Amino acid sequence: MNEEVKMYMDEAKEQMQNALVHLENELAKIRAGKANPKILNDVLVDYYGSPTPLSQVANITAPDPRTIAVQPWEKNMLGPIQKAIMNANLGFNPDNNGEVVRINVPPLTAERRKELVKQSKGVGETAKVSIRNARRDAIDEFKKMVKSGLPEAVINFLALLGWNPGNDQELMSLDELVKLFDLHRCSKAGAKFDFEKGKWFNHEYILKKSNEEVAGLFMPILKGHGIEAPMDKVVTVVGLMKDRVSFIKDLWETCKFFFVAPTEYDEKTRKKRWKEDSPERMLELADVLEALDDFSLENQEAVVMKWIEDKGYHLSNIMNAFRLTLVGEGKGPHMFDISAVLGKEETLRRIRRAVEVLK
């Protein structure tokens, strides 16, 4: 989520800066009453058959407020430069003295001033529209993220922007906010929108909700990914994982391995956790688990731990490889919580498939 916020902010900032740069360049090209070399920025000169920016074939200066001087780097370019300036429809009549092309900038007339105002207003309005669009797009994305938060968390967070209850209490229901609100405790200074604080509020409200409530909110997300899971399984998964997310929608990426078997295995985890003897050990573990009639978390853990101890195997090597087979990477809750939720058949299927792929 942090990366999303930064991305949207950076995109908006870049678009706004580009709009301002474009505005500056457009304003510089407007012919006012003062000599400005940038007026010639868009002039293209025929340089040996290739249209080339004037600045690439000559040095352009303003020796005084009424004169623009164009000194070509090749003397034979005087004629093409003079012709290019005349064809650019800038309203100039350049003079060629055989050494330098000079442009006398005439003083502004009343009519010309009106044209300048109209032209400046046009390019300014274009820049405004670009900036507004960048701001609108960023706000739309932020609104989408805010909407993914719990309503009560958003209300609590927004209520504390520019107001405080006079104590250290932060988590308050709507009824509490109404009861505690006092206009005299509103800050005169501008409120600061802290997105990270907003995430914290949402996380806290997720923790306050029962597993059943969170599971009910998570169900539509599962269905959106084509997952039809029994409510009791979803409730159990949510109970294991809700403390790891700030938004309900983040549950999918955090715990999708409970519902979808891994199709590939994280290369970094594989190199670090999958040992030379891991295939053989995992097949042994599969046989141990398959022999269990009671596949409860407690019984799995007791039997597997005794098997590891009896065999003299390295505990972390077994458990890390076990995690990789079920999850596809090195994340997740307690291993026997995972296998208990998956059930015996799915656990064995994942172990044996991983051995086939990773051996």
Protein backbone atom coordinates (compact mmCIF):
# COMPACT_ATOMS: atom_id res chain seq x y z
CA MET A 1 0.00 0.00 0.00
CA ASN A 2 2.88 2.41 0.76
CA GLU A 3 4.22 1.79 -2.73
CA GLU A 4 0.80 2.58 -4.24
CA VAL A 5 0.56 5.91 -2.42
CA LYS A 6 4.08 6.91 -3.41
CA MET A 7 3.46 5.88 -7.02
CA TYR A 8 0.29 7.99 -7.30
CA MET A 9 1.98 10.96 -5.62
CA ASP A 10 5.03 10.71 -7.88
CA GLU A 11 2.88 10.41 -11.01
CA ALA A 12 0.80 13.45 -10.05
CA LYS A 13 3.91 15.46 -9.19
CA GLU A 14 5.58 14.56 -12.49
CA GLN A 15 2.48 15.45 -14.52
CA MET A 16 2.13 18.80 -12.74
CA GLN A 17 5.80 19.63 -13.19
CA ASN A 18 5.59 18.75 -16.89
CA ALA A 19 2.58 21.07 -17.22
CA LEU A 20 4.53 23.92 -15.62
CA VAL A 21 7.57 23.33 -17.81
CA HIS A 22 5.34 23.31 -20.88
CA LEU A 23 3.68 26.54 -19.72
CA GLU A 24 7.06 28.21 -19.21
CA ASN A 25 8.22 27.17 -22.67
CA GLU A 26 5.00 28.34 -24.33
CA LEU A 27 5.10 31.71 -22.57
CA ALA A 28 8.74 32.17 -23.55
CA LYS A 29 7.83 31.75 -27.20
CA ILE A 30 5.21 34.50 -27.15
CA ARG A 31 6.53 37.60 -28.90
CA ALA A 32 6.23 40.49 -26.51
CA GLY A 33 7.93 43.88 -26.77
CA LYS A 34 11.27 42.65 -25.43
CA ALA A 35 13.84 40.63 -27.33
CA ASN A 36 13.84 37.00 -26.15
CA PRO A 37 15.91 34.31 -27.91
CA LYS A 38 13.37 31.65 -26.83
CA ILE A 39 10.91 33.13 -29.34
CA LEU A 40 12.91 31.25 -31.98
CA ASN A 41 12.77 27.87 -30.16
CA ASP A 42 10.41 26.32 -32.72
CA VAL A 43 12.17 27.63 -35.82
CA LEU A 44 13.44 24.79 -38.03
CA VAL A 45 16.21 25.43 -40.57
CA ASP A 46 16.88 23.41 -43.71
CA TYR A 47 20.32 22.04 -42.85
CA TYR A 48 21.54 20.02 -45.85
CA GLY A 49 18.03 18.73 -46.49
CA SER A 50 17.16 18.00 -42.85
CA PRO A 51 14.83 20.24 -40.76
CA THR A 52 17.01 21.21 -37.79
CA PRO A 53 16.27 23.42 -34.74
CA LEU A 54 17.82 26.85 -35.17
CA SER A 55 19.64 26.55 -31.85
CA GLN A 56 21.62 23.60 -33.27
CA VAL A 57 23.09 25.57 -36.20
CA ALA A 58 23.58 29.01 -34.67
CA ASN A 59 24.18 30.98 -31.49
CA ILE A 60 21.13 33.08 -30.55
CA THR A 61 21.54 36.13 -28.28
CA ALA A 62 19.77 39.36 -27.33
CA PRO A 63 22.45 42.09 -27.36
CA ASP A 64 19.87 44.70 -26.34
CA PRO A 65 16.18 44.75 -25.37
CA ARG A 66 15.08 45.37 -28.96
CA THR A 67 17.41 43.09 -30.92
CA ILE A 68 17.87 39.34 -31.40
CA ALA A 69 21.14 38.30 -33.05
CA VAL A 70 21.57 34.94 -34.79
CA GLN A 71 25.22 34.02 -35.44
CA PRO A 72 25.41 30.87 -37.64
CA TRP A 73 28.25 28.45 -37.05
CA GLU A 74 28.56 28.05 -40.80
CA LYS A 75 28.46 31.23 -42.86
CA ASN A 76 26.60 29.56 -45.74
CA MET A 77 23.62 29.08 -43.37
CA LEU A 78 22.79 32.82 -43.23
CA GLY A 79 20.30 32.58 -46.10
CA PRO A 80 18.50 29.43 -44.90
CA ILE A 81 18.27 30.89 -41.38
CA GLN A 82 16.79 34.17 -42.64
CA LYS A 83 14.29 32.26 -44.76
CA ALA A 84 13.32 29.93 -41.89
CA ILE A 85 12.60 32.87 -39.55
CA MET A 86 10.42 34.54 -42.16
CA ASN A 87 8.53 31.30 -42.83
CA ALA A 88 7.88 30.76 -39.11
CA ASN A 89 5.16 33.48 -39.19
CA LEU A 90 6.49 35.21 -36.09
CA GLY A 91 5.88 38.66 -37.55
CA PHE A 92 9.60 39.41 -37.91
CA ASN A 93 11.49 40.79 -40.89
CA PRO A 94 15.07 39.57 -40.26
CA ASP A 95 18.04 41.47 -41.68
CA ASN A 96 21.11 39.68 -43.05
CA ASN A 97 24.30 41.78 -43.13
CA GLY A 98 26.49 38.96 -44.39
CA GLU A 99 27.76 38.08 -40.91
CA VAL A 100 24.78 37.94 -38.59
CA VAL A 101 21.01 37.69 -38.95
CA ARG A 102 19.46 40.48 -36.90
CA ILE A 103 15.86 40.79 -35.80
CA ASN A 104 14.50 44.11 -34.64
CA VAL A 105 11.67 43.54 -32.18
CA PRO A 106 9.05 46.23 -32.73
CA PRO A 107 7.35 47.93 -29.78
CA LEU A 108 3.96 46.58 -28.78
CA THR A 109 0.84 48.13 -30.24
CA ALA A 110 -2.50 48.17 -28.46
CA GLU A 111 -3.76 45.47 -30.80
CA ARG A 112 -0.68 43.34 -30.18
CA ARG A 113 -1.11 43.67 -26.42
CA LYS A 114 -4.65 42.32 -26.69
CA GLU A 115 -3.39 39.39 -28.74
CA LEU A 116 -0.69 38.67 -26.12
CA VAL A 117 -3.24 38.66 -23.30
CA LYS A 118 -5.48 36.28 -25.24
CA GLN A 119 -2.56 34.01 -26.18
CA SER A 120 -1.14 33.98 -22.64
CA LYS A 121 -4.55 33.21 -21.20
CA GLY A 122 -4.92 30.29 -23.60
CA VAL A 123 -1.63 28.61 -22.71
CA GLY A 124 -2.25 29.31 -19.01
CA GLU A 125 -5.66 27.66 -19.18
CA THR A 126 -4.14 24.62 -20.90
CA ALA A 127 -1.62 24.28 -18.04
CA LYS A 128 -4.41 24.65 -15.45
CA VAL A 129 -6.40 21.87 -17.09
CA SER A 130 -3.34 19.58 -17.10
CA ILE A 131 -2.67 20.24 -13.42
CA ARG A 132 -6.33 19.78 -12.49
CA ASN A 133 -6.43 16.47 -14.38
CA ALA A 134 -3.30 15.23 -12.59
CA ARG A 135 -4.79 16.24 -9.23
CA ARG A 136 -8.16 14.67 -10.08
CA ASP A 137 -6.56 11.37 -11.13
CA ALA A 138 -4.51 11.20 -7.91
CA ILE A 139 -7.54 12.04 -5.75
CA ASP A 140 -9.62 9.38 -7.53
CA GLU A 141 -6.99 6.75 -6.75
CA PHE A 142 -6.78 7.86 -3.11
CA LYS A 143 -10.57 7.72 -2.83
CA LYS A 144 -10.51 4.14 -4.08
CA MET A 145 -8.01 3.27 -1.36
CA VAL A 146 -10.03 5.09 1.30
CA LYS A 147 -13.17 3.23 0.20
CA SER A 148 -11.34 -0.02 0.83
CA GLY A 149 -11.18 0.96 4.50
CA LEU A 150 -13.81 0.14 7.11
CA PRO A 151 -16.39 2.98 7.39
CA GLU A 152 -16.05 3.25 11.17
CA ALA A 153 -12.24 3.46 10.88
CA VAL A 154 -12.47 6.21 8.25
CA ILE A 155 -14.92 8.20 10.42
CA ASN A 156 -12.67 7.85 13.47
CA PHE A 157 -9.61 8.90 11.47
CA LEU A 158 -11.27 11.91 9.81
CA ALA A 159 -12.78 13.09 13.10
CA LEU A 160 -9.29 13.51 14.55
CA LEU A 161 -8.09 15.71 11.69
CA GLY A 162 -7.88 19.10 13.40
CA TRP A 163 -9.62 17.97 16.61
CA ASN A 164 -8.73 15.94 19.69
CA PRO A 165 -10.76 14.76 22.70
CA GLY A 166 -8.34 16.27 25.22
CA ASN A 167 -6.73 12.96 26.17
CA ASP A 168 -4.68 10.19 24.53
CA GLN A 169 -7.69 8.20 23.35
CA GLU A 170 -7.65 7.57 19.61
CA LEU A 171 -10.07 4.72 18.93
CA MET A 172 -13.63 5.99 19.41
CA SER A 173 -17.02 4.88 18.16
CA LEU A 174 -19.33 7.36 16.46
CA ASP A 175 -21.36 7.67 19.67
CA GLU A 176 -18.20 8.41 21.65
CA LEU A 177 -17.09 11.00 19.09
CA VAL A 178 -20.45 12.77 19.32
CA LYS A 179 -20.34 12.74 23.12
CA LEU A 180 -16.74 13.98 23.37
CA PHE A 181 -16.79 16.57 20.60
CA ASP A 182 -16.11 20.14 21.70
CA LEU A 183 -15.69 22.94 19.18
CA HIS A 184 -13.13 24.59 21.46
CA ARG A 185 -10.78 21.65 20.95
CA CYS A 186 -10.57 22.22 17.19
CA SER A 187 -7.14 23.33 16.02
CA LYS A 188 -6.78 26.61 14.15
CA ALA A 189 -3.86 25.20 12.20
CA GLY A 190 -4.41 23.22 9.01
CA ALA A 191 -4.97 19.49 9.49
CA LYS A 192 -2.36 17.09 8.14
CA PHE A 193 -3.63 14.03 6.26
CA ASP A 194 -1.38 11.15 7.35
CA PHE A 195 -2.18 8.11 5.21
CA GLU A 196 -0.06 5.83 7.41
CA LYS A 197 -2.13 6.87 10.41
CA GLY A 198 -5.27 6.10 8.43
CA LYS A 199 -3.92 2.61 7.74
CA TRP A 200 -3.24 2.15 11.45
CA PHE A 201 -6.85 3.04 12.29
CA ASN A 202 -8.18 0.56 9.74
CA HIS A 203 -5.86 -2.17 11.04
CA GLU A 204 -7.05 -1.58 14.60
CA TYR A 205 -10.71 -1.73 13.57
CA ILE A 206 -10.10 -4.98 11.69
CA LEU A 207 -8.65 -6.45 14.89
CA LYS A 208 -11.69 -5.24 16.86
CA LYS A 209 -14.08 -7.07 14.55
CA SER A 210 -14.89 -10.72 15.14
CA ASN A 211 -13.44 -13.31 12.79
CA GLU A 212 -16.95 -13.96 11.50
CA GLU A 213 -17.45 -10.28 10.59
CA VAL A 214 -14.12 -10.05 8.77
CA ALA A 215 -14.79 -13.34 7.00
CA GLY A 216 -18.11 -11.95 5.77
CA LEU A 217 -16.28 -8.94 4.30
CA PHE A 218 -13.60 -11.20 2.79
CA MET A 219 -16.05 -13.58 1.12
CA PRO A 220 -16.88 -11.30 -1.88
CA ILE A 221 -13.15 -10.89 -2.54
CA LEU A 222 -12.68 -14.66 -2.58
CA LYS A 223 -15.60 -15.04 -4.97
CA GLY A 224 -14.09 -12.35 -7.16
CA HIS A 225 -11.05 -14.62 -7.51
CA GLY A 226 -13.23 -17.60 -8.35
CA ILE A 227 -12.95 -19.18 -4.89
CA GLU A 228 -15.95 -20.91 -3.30
CA ALA A 229 -14.93 -21.78 0.26
CA PRO A 230 -17.00 -22.85 3.27
CA MET A 231 -17.53 -20.09 5.82
CA ASP A 232 -15.95 -22.07 8.66
CA LYS A 233 -12.68 -22.35 6.70
CA VAL A 234 -12.69 -18.63 5.88
CA VAL A 235 -13.36 -17.76 9.53
CA THR A 236 -10.40 -19.90 10.60
CA VAL A 237 -8.08 -18.37 7.98
CA VAL A 238 -9.13 -14.84 8.91
CA GLY A 239 -8.44 -15.59 12.57
CA LEU A 240 -4.90 -16.63 11.65
CA MET A 241 -4.15 -13.76 9.26
CA LYS A 242 -6.17 -10.60 10.01
CA ASP A 243 -3.49 -9.17 12.28
CA ARG A 244 -1.15 -9.00 9.25
CA VAL A 245 -3.21 -6.63 7.08
CA SER A 246 -4.37 -3.01 7.12
CA PHE A 247 -7.20 -3.45 4.61
CA ILE A 248 -9.65 -6.29 4.01
CA LYS A 249 -8.65 -6.44 0.35
CA ASP A 250 -5.05 -7.17 1.39
CA LEU A 251 -6.14 -10.50 2.86
CA TRP A 252 -6.12 -12.11 -0.58
CA GLU A 253 -2.42 -11.60 -1.24
CA THR A 254 -1.61 -12.44 2.37
CA CYS A 255 -3.44 -15.74 2.62
CA LYS A 256 -4.39 -16.93 -0.87
CA PHE A 257 -2.19 -20.01 -0.37
CA PHE A 258 -4.93 -21.37 1.91
CA PHE A 259 -7.24 -21.51 -1.11
CA VAL A 260 -4.94 -21.93 -4.12
CA ALA A 261 -2.00 -24.34 -4.28
CA PRO A 262 1.32 -22.81 -5.35
CA THR A 263 2.12 -23.25 -9.04
CA GLU A 264 5.67 -21.99 -8.64
CA TYR A 265 8.14 -21.66 -5.78
CA ASP A 266 9.98 -18.54 -4.68
CA GLU A 267 13.51 -18.85 -6.02
CA LYS A 268 15.17 -17.04 -3.13
CA THR A 269 13.43 -19.23 -0.55
CA ARG A 270 14.17 -22.33 -2.60
CA LYS A 271 17.91 -21.62 -2.72
CA LYS A 272 18.04 -20.88 1.00
CA ARG A 273 15.61 -23.45 2.44
CA TRP A 274 15.48 -26.41 0.03
CA LYS A 275 18.42 -28.65 0.93
CA GLU A 276 19.93 -31.57 -0.98
CA ASP A 277 18.10 -34.06 1.24
CA SER A 278 14.81 -32.11 1.30
CA PRO A 279 13.03 -34.26 -1.34
CA GLU A 280 13.70 -37.45 0.62
CA ARG A 281 12.77 -35.85 3.96
CA MET A 282 9.52 -34.40 2.57
CA LEU A 283 8.45 -37.78 1.19
CA GLU A 284 9.13 -39.29 4.62
CA LEU A 285 7.06 -36.51 6.21
CA ALA A 286 4.23 -37.19 3.77
CA ASP A 287 4.22 -40.85 4.84
CA VAL A 288 4.14 -39.84 8.52
CA LEU A 289 1.20 -37.48 7.93
CA GLU A 290 -0.66 -39.96 5.75
CA ALA A 291 -0.62 -42.51 8.58
CA LEU A 292 -2.48 -40.14 10.92
CA ASP A 293 -6.14 -40.79 11.63
CA ASP A 294 -6.34 -37.61 13.71
CA PHE A 295 -5.20 -34.71 11.51
CA SER A 296 -5.81 -32.04 14.13
CA LEU A 297 -3.20 -29.35 14.66
CA GLU A 298 -2.24 -30.72 18.07
CA ASN A 299 -1.86 -34.35 16.95
CA GLN A 300 0.08 -33.43 13.79
CA GLU A 301 2.53 -31.35 15.79
CA ALA A 302 3.07 -34.01 18.46
CA VAL A 303 3.64 -36.84 15.95
CA VAL A 304 5.85 -34.85 13.56
CA MET A 305 8.01 -33.41 16.34
CA LYS A 306 8.57 -36.89 17.76
CA TRP A 307 9.47 -38.20 14.28
CA ILE A 308 12.03 -35.39 13.83
CA GLU A 309 13.50 -36.05 17.26
CA ASP A 310 13.64 -39.84 16.76
CA LYS A 311 15.33 -39.44 13.36
CA GLY A 312 17.75 -36.79 14.61
CA TYR A 313 16.79 -34.42 11.82
CA HIS A 314 17.40 -30.67 11.93
CA LEU A 315 14.08 -29.09 12.97
CA SER A 316 14.41 -25.84 10.99
CA ASN A 317 15.45 -27.67 7.80
CA ILE A 318 12.34 -29.86 7.95
CA MET A 319 9.92 -27.05 8.81
CA ASN A 320 11.32 -24.58 6.24
CA ALA A 321 11.08 -27.17 3.47
CA PHE A 322 7.59 -28.13 4.68
CA ARG A 323 6.52 -24.46 4.47
CA LEU A 324 7.89 -24.12 0.94
CA THR A 325 5.88 -27.14 -0.24
CA LEU A 326 2.59 -25.85 1.15
CA VAL A 327 2.92 -22.08 0.66
CA GLY A 328 5.39 -21.68 -2.20
CA GLU A 329 7.49 -19.20 -0.25
CA GLY A 330 8.77 -18.49 3.24
CA LYS A 331 5.72 -16.80 4.76
CA GLY A 332 2.59 -17.68 6.70
CA PRO A 333 1.53 -18.62 10.25
CA HIS A 334 2.46 -21.70 12.28
CA MET A 335 2.99 -24.66 9.92
CA PHE A 336 0.51 -26.98 11.58
CA ASP A 337 -2.12 -24.23 11.49
CA ILE A 338 -1.67 -24.23 7.72
CA SER A 339 -1.76 -28.01 7.26
CA ALA A 340 -4.76 -28.36 9.59
CA VAL A 341 -6.74 -25.86 7.51
CA LEU A 342 -5.68 -27.48 4.22
CA GLY A 343 -6.58 -30.96 5.44
CA LYS A 344 -4.74 -34.23 4.97
CA GLU A 345 -5.48 -34.81 1.28
CA GLU A 346 -4.47 -31.32 0.13
CA THR A 347 -1.39 -31.24 2.38
CA LEU A 348 -0.11 -34.55 0.98
CA ARG A 349 -0.87 -33.48 -2.59
CA ARG A 350 1.10 -30.26 -2.19
CA ILE A 351 4.09 -31.96 -0.55
CA ARG A 352 4.40 -34.60 -3.27
CA ARG A 353 3.89 -32.13 -6.10
CA ALA A 354 6.59 -29.83 -4.68
CA VAL A 355 9.01 -32.75 -4.47
CA GLU A 356 8.37 -33.53 -8.15
CA VAL A 357 8.94 -29.91 -9.17
CA LEU A 358 11.86 -29.05 -6.87
CA LYS A 359 13.89 -32.26 -6.85
